[in-house]
Structure formats: structure tokens, C-alpha cells
Amino acid sequence: MRITFHGAAGQVTGSSHLLEINGQRILLDCGLFDGDRSDPEGPNRNFTFEPRDLDAVIVSHAHNDHIGRLPCLVRAGYNGPIYVTPATADITNVMLRDSARIQRDDARHAAPREPGGPPVEPLFELIDVEWVVERFQRTSYGQTVEILPGIRLTYHNAGHILGSAIVQLDFEEDGTARRFVFTGDLGRRSMGLLPDPVIIKEIDVLVTESTYGARELDPYEKLMKQLHAIVSRATRLQSKIIIPAFSLGRTQRMVYCLQELFAVHKVRPIPIYVDSPLSLRLTDIHRTYPQAYTPEAQRLMDADPTYFGSKYVDYCETWDDSRRLNYVTGPAVIISSSGMCEAGRIRHHLRHAVEDPDNAIVIVSYQAEKTLGRQIAEGAERIQIMDQWFELNAAVYVLDGFSGHADRNDLAWWFEQTGGSIKKAFAVHGEPESLEAIAPLLQKHVIEPVVIPERLATYEV
């Protein structure tokens, strides 16, 4: 077997790994890279392999850094199957359509890269998304399917977001049975909503993520106590809590955690407003998979009229609904996107909230460098929102333990449970600090030296 790392090698984004097994070519994920999508020479617009030569594509989950270039792949000539879990299929359909709309709008307003040059073109159009959806092969957890002659795929629950999967491939080479495993993105343990990642044993070759390989995050119980204190403060001060959250995964988790706070921990309920049309569409998908959640989560949400909804939760669909929140008096929680505060309706809510010291901003996810969210998380005195400067007087709480990514301890636990007989392992999907930190933990359970590959590196394994 040969593996070439075309993305997420030495970095977090652009997940894309090419396997060659007995002459057959399989691509694991096809994600967006962080950076300028309009750059004609950038990695988002140029494949480092030939899409027409692929025999199958396997998707681990529906975050854009794992699915965002699928329409480009089809546009470039790929016409084979794309394997996904049922929930990933539904979510990817929504995510890629939203991405196509955003790119179309951005391209319409973008100036040419050079004076007199051609207009900026979107990476893909809605028609390309249609062709992607046509190629979906829905495969449930635990179901083994022969995707190519002699190569069998089994998906296992990764516990990261709804539909996320660990990829297991079983095959024979030179008469010897072999097992390849790609973790995709692993979730945290004991986080209330989603089950823990499934353990896989007897692994020959492992490719693992390492996003939080250098971090130990707070346990769920501590996070809930912190959230309790923040809600109680808002009730006492009659103020607002602003939560920037990604529409996929984080928004649904925060709604669930607040529901648990009210129902289980008997915290006095306050109104929750979810202000993101994309979040509403994705939450509707989450409601169609009640069996995906832990038994405790199912019991809690079965008591409400709809999953991720109750008399305390209001979803805002229109701009008028969003504007009305400016005049809502506290206490109240407003959950809105984008999660890093770089776009979307969250910026409008921040403008109306950041200068009041009674209000609170709660950061619940990773904030990339130079983003507005990162400035808020680091306690900047003044911040710029849509070309206007504001004093950051609101209280800022960083609860990044609500992340959907396994931390250092969770990854170490998963490696240990595999049985310690992994023959070869590669660490990807992490910044250099995380990769270097996770390698020694992984090495305890791997026979050969752990490899941290560079982009475009190829290995015979």
C-alpha cells in the first residue's frame, strides 16, 4: 500500500490523503485549505493528483476542511462514488450549497486580482454540488461494504459531530490480511450529547488527527459549572450572553448544554435565541437522527416538543428576527455564527453588546490567529467590528473545552485502547506544536517510528 498526504500535513486544514492499494486509488476526504480561495495558484484551485484517476472517495465527516473541495473534484473530472454516512450526506448537501452561495456573492463583489484582469470566479457553482450529491453512497456505522474489488469499508462512530466516522479499510496484499484506519476527527469523551469514539483493534496502519495534541481541556462537569455561573450572572444583572458558534456541531451542542442546565441542574431558565439560518437548517437535520445521541441526551430531549428546541429556544430565520434581538432585554443567550466572529450575524450582536460590562461573551471554540474572535479571547482593550472601533468592556469567558475535538488525554486514551499493536502510524491534522506533542504518546502503541509527514510526501507501508 502506498499513501500520499495531499493536505492536512503539518497543518489543520485541507484534509486529503491518497491511498493506492493493489493498483486502486482511494481518496480520503477532500477538504478546503485555509487561505485565499480566489488565488488561481492556491491549493484550493489546483489538485496535486489527477481526479480522473481516482476509483473511490471516502469522506470522514462534513466539516469544510474535509468536504469543501468535493465539488471541485467533480468539476475536474472525478465521476466515481463518494462514500458517506447518512447524516454526513444530509449535512454535506447543506454545507456545500451554503458555500457555493457565499462564494458566488464574494466573487460578485470582488475586484479583479490585477487591474484589467479577469473577474474572480467562485471555486464551484451550485450545479457542481448537485453532481456531488448524485455520487453519494450512504453507508451506516458498522456496515461493511466492498467499495472496490477486495477492499472493504467499515465506518465507526467518531463522536466528533453528527455523522462523523472513523474509516476502517480491510484488504489483502500478497496474501496477507491488512487493516488501515483513518481517525478523521475524533470527539471528546463523556461530553453528554454524542457517544465516545469507537475503539478499533488489530490496526496495521493508522493515520490519526492531532488537533489538540498539545492541549488538555476542561472536563464536561467543570464546563457545566462554569456555564452555570455565567447564566446565573446574566440572571442577576439582567444582561445578555453572546456565544459565537459554528453552525455545524457547536451550535447544537451549546443548545443541548443549556437545556441540560435548565432541566437537570435546575438552573433558572432564560431565553435562548439561535440567530443563524444555516444553524436552523442543520439543526433540522440533527432532529432527524435521534438515535445518534447518548441515552441520557435522548431522555432529556425526548421531554421537549422537538430535539434542540423547547419553550426557551427561539430560532431566528429572517434579518428582521435578528434585528429584534437588539431590543431584547436580559437575561438572554444569543448564539450566532460565525464561530470566529469574522462574518455573519454575530458581528451585529457584538456591536450592541461589547461595551456594556454587564454583558458576557463566551468563546466555545478554537479561534484562529488574527481573527476577531481571537482578539476577544485574548482580552483586547478595543476591537474593530465592521470598520468601527468599540471598547471591549463585556466580560469574556473562554470555555474551549466544549470543542468537538479530542484533547491530549482523549487521544492518548484512544491509542491505548487499540491494544498497542499498531505497526505503522502517521500524525496529521495539527499545527506543528500539536504534532510534536502527540507523537511520543502515540509511539507507545506503535511498533515502527511514528511519522509526521510533510505535504505531498509518499510512503510505502
Protein backbone atom coordinates (compact mmCIF):
# COMPACT_ATOMS: atom_id res chain seq x y z
CA MET A 1 0.00 0.00 0.00
CA ARG A 2 1.15 3.50 -0.80
CA ILE A 3 -0.11 6.66 0.91
CA THR A 4 0.45 10.27 -0.20
CA PHE A 5 -0.53 13.18 2.03
CA HIS A 6 -2.07 15.91 -0.15
CA GLY A 7 -3.40 18.05 2.71
CA ALA A 8 -3.67 18.48 6.49
CA ALA A 9 0.00 17.51 6.74
CA GLY A 10 1.81 19.85 9.11
CA GLN A 11 -1.38 21.92 9.30
CA VAL A 12 -5.05 21.56 10.27
CA THR A 13 -6.92 22.28 7.04
CA GLY A 14 -7.18 20.69 3.61
CA SER A 15 -7.66 17.08 4.70
CA SER A 16 -6.84 14.91 1.68
CA HIS A 17 -4.95 11.60 1.68
CA LEU A 18 -4.48 9.32 -1.31
CA LEU A 19 -4.26 5.54 -0.85
CA GLU A 20 -3.07 3.16 -3.55
CA ILE A 21 -4.00 -0.43 -2.77
CA ASN A 22 -3.41 -3.20 -5.31
CA GLY A 23 -3.44 -0.66 -8.11
CA GLN A 24 -6.66 1.01 -6.97
CA ARG A 25 -6.70 4.67 -5.90
CA ILE A 26 -8.83 5.87 -2.96
CA LEU A 27 -9.03 9.47 -1.72
CA LEU A 28 -9.78 10.06 1.96
CA ASP A 29 -11.54 13.45 2.32
CA CYS A 30 -11.25 16.45 0.01
CA GLY A 31 -11.22 19.50 2.26
CA LEU A 32 -10.65 23.21 1.88
CA PHE A 33 -7.35 24.78 2.80
CA ASP A 34 -7.27 27.87 4.97
CA GLY A 35 -6.27 30.86 2.85
CA ASP A 36 -7.22 32.86 -0.21
CA ARG A 37 -9.80 30.86 -2.14
CA SER A 38 -9.60 33.24 -5.09
CA ASP A 39 -5.86 32.68 -5.65
CA PRO A 40 -5.56 30.93 -9.04
CA GLU A 41 -2.27 29.38 -7.93
CA GLY A 42 -3.50 28.34 -4.48
CA PRO A 43 -4.07 24.76 -3.27
CA ASN A 44 -7.85 25.16 -3.27
CA ARG A 45 -7.89 25.57 -7.06
CA ASN A 46 -5.15 23.11 -8.00
CA PHE A 47 -5.12 19.39 -7.29
CA THR A 48 -1.79 17.67 -6.76
CA PHE A 49 -3.19 14.40 -8.11
CA GLU A 50 -5.33 13.55 -11.12
CA PRO A 51 -9.04 13.42 -10.10
CA ARG A 52 -9.96 11.32 -13.15
CA ASP A 53 -7.66 8.53 -11.97
CA LEU A 54 -9.44 8.04 -8.64
CA ASP A 55 -11.54 4.91 -8.12
CA ALA A 56 -13.36 5.94 -4.92
CA VAL A 57 -13.65 8.79 -2.42
CA ILE A 58 -14.32 8.24 1.29
CA VAL A 59 -15.48 11.15 3.47
CA SER A 60 -14.97 11.11 7.24
CA HIS A 61 -17.36 13.96 8.16
CA ALA A 62 -18.98 17.15 6.95
CA HIS A 63 -16.73 19.98 8.15
CA ASN A 64 -15.49 22.16 5.29
CA ASP A 65 -11.83 21.30 5.88
CA HIS A 66 -12.84 17.71 5.00
CA ILE A 67 -15.51 18.20 2.29
CA GLY A 68 -15.03 21.72 0.92
CA ARG A 69 -13.35 20.78 -2.40
CA LEU A 70 -15.60 17.86 -3.35
CA PRO A 71 -17.40 19.99 -5.99
CA CYS A 72 -14.01 21.00 -7.41
CA LEU A 73 -13.08 17.33 -7.59
CA VAL A 74 -16.19 16.51 -9.62
CA ARG A 75 -15.71 19.58 -11.79
CA ALA A 76 -12.14 18.35 -12.51
CA GLY A 77 -13.42 15.05 -13.86
CA TYR A 78 -13.99 12.63 -10.97
CA ASN A 79 -17.07 10.52 -11.69
CA GLY A 80 -16.90 7.68 -9.16
CA PRO A 81 -18.70 7.01 -5.87
CA ILE A 82 -18.37 9.19 -2.77
CA TYR A 83 -18.88 7.19 0.44
CA VAL A 84 -20.53 8.99 3.37
CA THR A 85 -22.61 8.18 6.42
CA PRO A 86 -26.31 9.08 6.04
CA ALA A 87 -26.04 12.10 8.36
CA THR A 88 -22.87 13.29 6.63
CA ALA A 89 -24.68 13.09 3.29
CA ASP A 90 -27.50 15.31 4.54
CA ILE A 91 -25.18 17.82 6.22
CA THR A 92 -22.74 17.97 3.30
CA ASN A 93 -25.60 18.78 0.96
CA VAL A 94 -26.49 21.84 3.08
CA MET A 95 -22.90 22.91 3.78
CA LEU A 96 -21.77 22.84 0.15
CA ARG A 97 -24.84 24.71 -1.06
CA ASP A 98 -24.20 27.40 1.53
CA SER A 99 -20.53 27.55 0.50
CA ALA A 100 -21.49 27.93 -3.18
CA ARG A 101 -23.84 30.80 -2.30
CA ILE A 102 -21.18 32.59 -0.24
CA GLN A 103 -18.55 32.17 -2.97
CA ARG A 104 -20.92 33.46 -5.62
CA ASP A 105 -21.66 36.58 -3.54
CA ASP A 106 -17.99 37.12 -2.71
CA ALA A 107 -16.96 36.78 -6.34
CA ARG A 108 -19.65 39.21 -7.43
CA HIS A 109 -18.26 41.94 -5.17
CA ALA A 110 -14.55 41.14 -5.51
CA ALA A 111 -12.28 43.32 -7.60
CA PRO A 112 -10.03 41.60 -10.17
CA ARG A 113 -6.75 40.42 -8.68
CA GLU A 114 -4.92 42.60 -11.21
CA PRO A 115 -6.11 45.86 -12.84
CA GLY A 116 -7.89 44.97 -16.04
CA GLY A 117 -7.61 41.27 -15.25
CA PRO A 118 -10.39 38.67 -15.42
CA PRO A 119 -13.10 38.74 -12.75
CA VAL A 120 -12.76 36.50 -9.71
CA GLU A 121 -14.56 33.18 -10.19
CA PRO A 122 -16.03 31.08 -7.37
CA LEU A 123 -14.39 27.74 -6.68
CA PHE A 124 -17.58 25.97 -7.69
CA GLU A 125 -21.23 26.55 -8.53
CA LEU A 126 -24.48 25.03 -7.27
CA ILE A 127 -24.57 22.69 -10.28
CA ASP A 128 -21.29 21.15 -9.10
CA VAL A 129 -22.87 20.46 -5.71
CA GLU A 130 -25.71 18.63 -7.49
CA TRP A 131 -23.19 16.32 -9.14
CA VAL A 132 -21.51 15.64 -5.79
CA VAL A 133 -24.82 14.68 -4.15
CA GLU A 134 -25.59 12.34 -7.08
CA ARG A 135 -22.44 10.36 -6.28
CA PHE A 136 -23.16 9.78 -2.59
CA GLN A 137 -23.13 6.18 -1.40
CA ARG A 138 -24.71 6.21 2.07
CA THR A 139 -23.07 3.73 4.44
CA SER A 140 -24.16 3.30 8.06
CA TYR A 141 -21.95 2.73 11.08
CA GLY A 142 -20.89 -0.90 11.41
CA GLN A 143 -21.98 -1.81 7.89
CA THR A 144 -19.17 -3.41 5.85
CA VAL A 145 -19.29 -2.79 2.11
CA GLU A 146 -16.90 -3.82 -0.65
CA ILE A 147 -16.13 -0.48 -2.29
CA LEU A 148 -13.60 -1.92 -4.78
CA PRO A 149 -12.57 -5.48 -5.58
CA GLY A 150 -11.03 -6.91 -2.40
CA ILE A 151 -11.31 -3.64 -0.39
CA ARG A 152 -13.94 -3.46 2.36
CA LEU A 153 -15.02 -0.26 4.12
CA THR A 154 -16.48 -0.08 7.62
CA TYR A 155 -17.46 3.20 9.26
CA HIS A 156 -17.33 3.60 13.06
CA ASN A 157 -18.72 6.46 15.14
CA ALA A 158 -16.00 9.07 15.79
CA GLY A 159 -18.11 11.10 18.27
CA HIS A 160 -16.90 14.41 16.77
CA ILE A 161 -20.06 15.77 15.13
CA LEU A 162 -23.26 14.15 13.90
CA GLY A 163 -22.32 11.59 11.24
CA SER A 164 -18.57 11.76 11.85
CA ALA A 165 -16.78 8.49 11.21
CA ILE A 166 -13.56 6.60 11.71
CA VAL A 167 -12.63 4.91 8.42
CA GLN A 168 -11.60 1.23 8.51
CA LEU A 169 -10.39 -0.48 5.35
CA ASP A 170 -9.69 -4.23 5.26
CA PHE A 171 -7.93 -5.87 2.31
CA GLU A 172 -5.26 -8.38 1.34
CA GLU A 173 -1.82 -7.67 -0.06
CA ASP A 174 0.43 -10.50 -1.23
CA GLY A 175 -1.85 -12.98 0.50
CA THR A 176 -1.71 -11.17 3.87
CA ALA A 177 -4.78 -9.60 5.52
CA ARG A 178 -4.24 -5.92 6.38
CA ARG A 179 -6.21 -3.21 8.15
CA PHE A 180 -5.90 0.53 7.56
CA VAL A 181 -7.59 3.06 9.87
CA PHE A 182 -8.10 6.81 9.42
CA THR A 183 -9.49 8.52 12.51
CA GLY A 184 -10.93 11.52 10.72
CA ASP A 185 -11.56 13.88 13.65
CA LEU A 186 -12.10 12.15 16.98
CA GLY A 187 -14.52 13.58 19.53
CA ARG A 188 -14.06 14.09 23.26
CA ARG A 189 -15.12 11.51 25.81
CA SER A 190 -18.07 11.89 28.18
CA MET A 191 -19.38 15.12 26.66
CA GLY A 192 -23.07 14.40 27.17
CA LEU A 193 -24.50 14.68 23.66
CA LEU A 194 -22.60 12.27 21.38
CA PRO A 195 -21.18 8.82 22.21
CA ASP A 196 -17.47 8.32 22.81
CA PRO A 197 -15.35 7.38 19.76
CA VAL A 198 -15.45 3.68 18.91
CA ILE A 199 -12.28 1.71 19.62
CA ILE A 200 -10.69 -0.30 16.79
CA LYS A 201 -8.11 -3.03 17.35
CA GLU A 202 -5.67 -5.02 15.18
CA ILE A 203 -4.57 -1.98 13.18
CA ASP A 204 -1.72 -2.32 10.70
CA VAL A 205 -1.57 1.30 9.50
CA LEU A 206 -3.07 4.28 11.35
CA VAL A 207 -3.50 7.88 10.21
CA THR A 208 -4.62 9.99 13.16
CA GLU A 209 -5.59 13.59 13.73
CA SER A 210 -3.76 15.63 16.40
CA THR A 211 -5.64 18.94 16.56
CA TYR A 212 -5.43 19.26 20.34
CA GLY A 213 -2.42 17.01 20.83
CA ALA A 214 -0.71 19.66 22.96
CA ARG A 215 -3.80 20.68 24.98
CA GLU A 216 -5.66 19.32 27.99
CA LEU A 217 -9.20 20.67 28.03
CA ASP A 218 -11.54 21.03 31.00
CA PRO A 219 -13.83 18.05 31.70
CA TYR A 220 -17.55 18.33 30.98
CA GLU A 221 -18.55 18.65 34.62
CA LYS A 222 -16.30 21.69 35.11
CA LEU A 223 -17.52 23.28 31.88
CA MET A 224 -21.12 22.93 33.01
CA LYS A 225 -20.32 24.55 36.35
CA GLN A 226 -18.69 27.45 34.54
CA LEU A 227 -21.68 27.80 32.21
CA HIS A 228 -23.97 27.69 35.26
CA ALA A 229 -22.09 30.61 36.82
CA ILE A 230 -22.27 32.65 33.60
CA VAL A 231 -26.03 32.11 33.26
CA SER A 232 -26.58 32.98 36.93
CA ARG A 233 -24.60 36.19 36.46
CA ALA A 234 -26.76 37.17 33.48
CA THR A 235 -29.90 36.50 35.51
CA ARG A 236 -28.62 38.63 38.38
CA LEU A 237 -27.54 41.51 36.13
CA GLN A 238 -30.43 41.16 33.64
CA SER A 239 -27.83 41.08 30.85
CA LYS A 240 -27.02 39.23 27.63
CA ILE A 241 -24.71 36.31 26.93
CA ILE A 242 -23.30 36.32 23.38
CA ILE A 243 -21.93 32.98 22.14
CA PRO A 244 -20.16 32.93 18.75
CA ALA A 245 -20.64 29.37 17.50
CA PHE A 246 -20.14 27.46 14.29
CA SER A 247 -23.45 26.49 12.70
CA LEU A 248 -22.48 22.82 12.50
CA GLY A 249 -21.91 20.96 15.74
CA ARG A 250 -21.09 23.72 18.19
CA THR A 251 -24.47 25.48 17.99
CA GLN A 252 -26.37 22.24 18.60
CA ARG A 253 -24.03 21.30 21.46
CA MET A 254 -24.49 24.65 23.20
CA VAL A 255 -28.28 24.49 22.89
CA TYR A 256 -28.20 20.99 24.38
CA CYS A 257 -25.90 22.05 27.24
CA LEU A 258 -28.20 24.93 28.15
CA GLN A 259 -31.19 22.59 28.03
CA GLU A 260 -29.35 20.22 30.37
CA LEU A 261 -28.50 23.12 32.66
CA PHE A 262 -32.17 24.07 32.96
CA ALA A 263 -33.65 20.56 33.15
CA VAL A 264 -31.06 18.57 35.11
CA HIS A 265 -29.17 21.12 37.17
CA LYS A 266 -32.30 23.17 37.91
CA VAL A 267 -30.78 26.45 36.81
CA ARG A 268 -33.41 29.15 36.33
CA PRO A 269 -34.20 29.12 32.57
CA ILE A 270 -33.58 32.18 30.43
CA PRO A 271 -34.47 32.72 26.75
CA ILE A 272 -32.09 31.26 24.15
CA TYR A 273 -32.00 32.81 20.67
CA VAL A 274 -30.23 30.98 17.85
CA ASP A 275 -29.59 33.53 15.13
CA SER A 276 -28.31 31.77 12.00
CA PRO A 277 -30.35 30.47 9.06
CA LEU A 278 -27.67 27.84 8.38
CA SER A 279 -27.84 26.69 12.01
CA LEU A 280 -31.59 26.25 11.66
CA ARG A 281 -31.24 24.08 8.56
CA LEU A 282 -28.53 21.99 10.19
CA THR A 283 -30.49 21.66 13.43
CA ASP A 284 -33.43 20.31 11.42
CA ILE A 285 -31.08 17.58 10.17
CA HIS A 286 -29.91 16.87 13.72
CA ARG A 287 -33.55 16.34 14.73
CA THR A 288 -33.93 13.54 12.17
CA TYR A 289 -31.26 11.39 13.86
CA PRO A 290 -32.40 10.99 17.49
CA GLN A 291 -30.72 7.59 17.67
CA ALA A 292 -27.33 9.29 17.19
CA TYR A 293 -27.21 10.71 20.72
CA THR A 294 -26.35 9.18 24.08
CA PRO A 295 -29.21 7.57 26.03
CA GLU A 296 -29.02 10.41 28.57
CA ALA A 297 -29.30 13.02 25.83
CA GLN A 298 -32.23 11.18 24.25
CA ARG A 299 -34.11 11.08 27.56
CA LEU A 300 -33.55 14.80 28.11
CA MET A 301 -34.57 15.87 24.62
CA ASP A 302 -37.50 13.44 24.39
CA ALA A 303 -39.13 15.62 27.06
CA ASP A 304 -39.19 18.61 24.68
CA PRO A 305 -41.53 19.16 21.72
CA THR A 306 -38.57 18.87 19.33
CA TYR A 307 -34.92 17.94 19.68
CA PHE A 308 -32.76 21.02 20.28
CA GLY A 309 -35.84 23.05 20.94
CA SER A 310 -38.13 23.94 23.83
CA LYS A 311 -40.23 26.84 25.03
CA TYR A 312 -36.96 28.56 25.96
CA VAL A 313 -35.34 28.26 22.48
CA ASP A 314 -36.20 30.57 19.59
CA TYR A 315 -34.62 30.22 16.14
CA CYS A 316 -34.31 33.44 14.11
CA GLU A 317 -34.85 32.96 10.38
CA THR A 318 -35.02 36.46 8.91
CA TRP A 319 -33.00 39.65 9.22
CA ASP A 320 -35.99 41.22 10.95
CA ASP A 321 -35.92 38.43 13.56
CA SER A 322 -32.23 39.13 14.06
CA ARG A 323 -32.66 42.90 14.40
CA ARG A 324 -35.34 42.46 17.04
CA LEU A 325 -32.73 40.90 19.30
CA ASN A 326 -31.09 44.32 19.58
CA TYR A 327 -34.07 45.44 21.63
CA VAL A 328 -34.45 42.31 23.76
CA THR A 329 -33.75 43.00 27.42
CA GLY A 330 -31.85 40.48 29.51
CA PRO A 331 -31.37 37.97 30.72
CA ALA A 332 -30.90 36.16 27.41
CA VAL A 333 -28.48 33.98 25.47
CA ILE A 334 -27.75 34.74 21.81
CA ILE A 335 -25.96 32.01 19.84
CA SER A 336 -24.89 33.13 16.38
CA SER A 337 -22.32 32.48 13.67
CA SER A 338 -19.65 32.70 12.55
CA GLY A 339 -17.74 30.92 15.28
CA MET A 340 -14.63 33.10 14.86
CA CYS A 341 -16.66 36.35 14.56
CA GLU A 342 -15.28 37.05 11.08
CA ALA A 343 -18.63 37.16 9.26
CA GLY A 344 -22.33 36.62 9.71
CA ARG A 345 -24.85 37.95 12.19
CA ILE A 346 -22.64 37.54 15.26
CA ARG A 347 -20.85 40.80 14.44
CA HIS A 348 -24.08 42.77 14.75
CA HIS A 349 -24.78 41.28 18.17
CA LEU A 350 -21.24 42.01 19.32
CA ARG A 351 -21.59 45.65 18.25
CA HIS A 352 -24.57 46.04 20.54
CA ALA A 353 -23.09 44.12 23.46
CA VAL A 354 -19.33 44.57 23.80
CA GLU A 355 -19.26 47.96 25.53
CA ASP A 356 -21.64 47.02 28.37
CA PRO A 357 -19.70 45.48 31.29
CA ASP A 358 -22.81 43.59 32.43
CA ASN A 359 -22.87 41.55 29.22
CA ALA A 360 -20.76 38.46 28.62
CA ILE A 361 -19.07 36.96 25.57
CA VAL A 362 -18.47 33.22 25.80
CA ILE A 363 -15.85 31.71 23.47
CA VAL A 364 -16.54 28.00 22.99
CA SER A 365 -14.29 27.05 20.08
CA TYR A 366 -10.83 27.44 18.62
CA GLN A 367 -10.06 30.95 17.36
CA ALA A 368 -7.52 31.26 14.57
CA GLU A 369 -4.82 33.91 14.69
CA LYS A 370 -5.75 37.43 13.54
CA THR A 371 -9.50 36.74 13.75
CA LEU A 372 -11.86 38.97 15.71
CA GLY A 373 -12.69 36.01 17.92
CA ARG A 374 -9.02 35.56 18.78
CA GLN A 375 -8.74 39.25 19.75
CA ILE A 376 -11.75 38.92 22.04
CA ALA A 377 -10.46 35.69 23.59
CA GLU A 378 -7.10 37.32 24.33
CA GLY A 379 -8.77 40.30 26.02
CA ALA A 380 -8.03 43.14 23.61
CA GLU A 381 -9.00 46.53 25.02
CA ARG A 382 -10.50 47.77 21.74
CA ILE A 383 -11.81 45.77 18.79
CA GLN A 384 -12.85 46.70 15.29
CA ILE A 385 -16.21 45.42 14.05
CA MET A 386 -17.27 46.30 10.51
CA ASP A 387 -14.95 49.33 10.27
CA GLN A 388 -15.99 50.75 13.63
CA TRP A 389 -13.98 50.63 16.87
CA PHE A 390 -15.50 49.55 20.20
CA GLU A 391 -14.26 49.29 23.76
CA LEU A 392 -14.29 45.67 24.90
CA ASN A 393 -15.91 46.14 28.31
CA ALA A 394 -18.05 42.99 28.37
CA ALA A 395 -16.85 40.06 30.46
CA VAL A 396 -15.09 37.44 28.32
CA TYR A 397 -15.12 33.74 29.22
CA VAL A 398 -13.13 31.18 27.24
CA LEU A 399 -14.68 27.70 27.52
CA ASP A 400 -12.89 25.97 24.66
CA GLY A 401 -13.40 22.63 26.38
CA PHE A 402 -16.72 22.50 24.53
CA SER A 403 -14.67 21.74 21.41
CA GLY A 404 -15.70 18.70 19.43
CA HIS A 405 -12.05 17.61 19.14
CA ALA A 406 -10.41 15.05 21.39
CA ASP A 407 -7.76 16.65 23.59
CA ARG A 408 -4.37 15.20 24.51
CA ASN A 409 -5.83 12.88 27.17
CA ASP A 410 -8.65 11.68 24.91
CA LEU A 411 -6.22 10.86 22.10
CA ALA A 412 -3.91 9.02 24.50
CA TRP A 413 -6.89 7.01 25.78
CA TRP A 414 -7.96 6.05 22.26
CA PHE A 415 -4.44 4.98 21.26
CA GLU A 416 -4.13 2.85 24.40
CA GLN A 417 -7.43 1.07 23.79
CA THR A 418 -6.31 -0.12 20.35
CA GLY A 419 -4.21 -2.79 22.03
CA GLY A 420 -0.73 -1.47 21.39
CA SER A 421 -0.03 -3.48 18.24
CA ILE A 422 -0.24 -0.76 15.56
CA LYS A 423 2.52 -1.46 13.06
CA LYS A 424 2.83 1.97 11.38
CA ALA A 425 1.31 5.33 12.28
CA PHE A 426 1.14 8.84 10.83
CA ALA A 427 0.08 12.00 12.69
CA VAL A 428 -1.73 14.66 10.64
CA HIS A 429 -4.34 17.43 11.02
CA GLY A 430 -2.48 19.51 13.58
CA GLU A 431 -0.23 22.50 13.93
CA PRO A 432 3.49 21.63 14.40
CA GLU A 433 3.29 22.04 18.19
CA SER A 434 0.38 19.58 18.42
CA LEU A 435 2.01 17.08 16.08
CA GLU A 436 5.25 17.08 18.05
CA ALA A 437 3.35 16.70 21.32
CA ILE A 438 1.19 13.78 20.23
CA ALA A 439 3.94 11.72 18.57
CA PRO A 440 5.51 10.42 21.85
CA LEU A 441 2.07 9.46 23.22
CA LEU A 442 1.27 7.57 20.04
CA GLN A 443 4.70 5.93 19.86
CA LYS A 444 3.98 3.88 23.00
CA HIS A 445 1.47 1.88 20.99
CA VAL A 446 3.21 1.68 17.61
CA ILE A 447 5.90 -0.78 16.55
CA GLU A 448 7.69 1.38 13.97
CA PRO A 449 8.66 5.05 14.46
CA VAL A 450 5.71 7.45 14.26
CA VAL A 451 5.85 9.65 11.15
CA ILE A 452 4.82 13.31 10.93
CA PRO A 453 4.54 13.64 7.15
CA GLU A 454 5.04 16.77 5.09
CA ARG A 455 2.56 17.70 2.41
CA LEU A 456 2.98 15.61 -0.79
CA ALA A 457 5.18 13.07 0.98
CA THR A 458 4.63 9.48 -0.17
CA TYR A 459 5.21 6.31 1.86
CA GLU A 460 5.18 2.61 1.06
CA VAL A 461 3.64 0.79 4.04
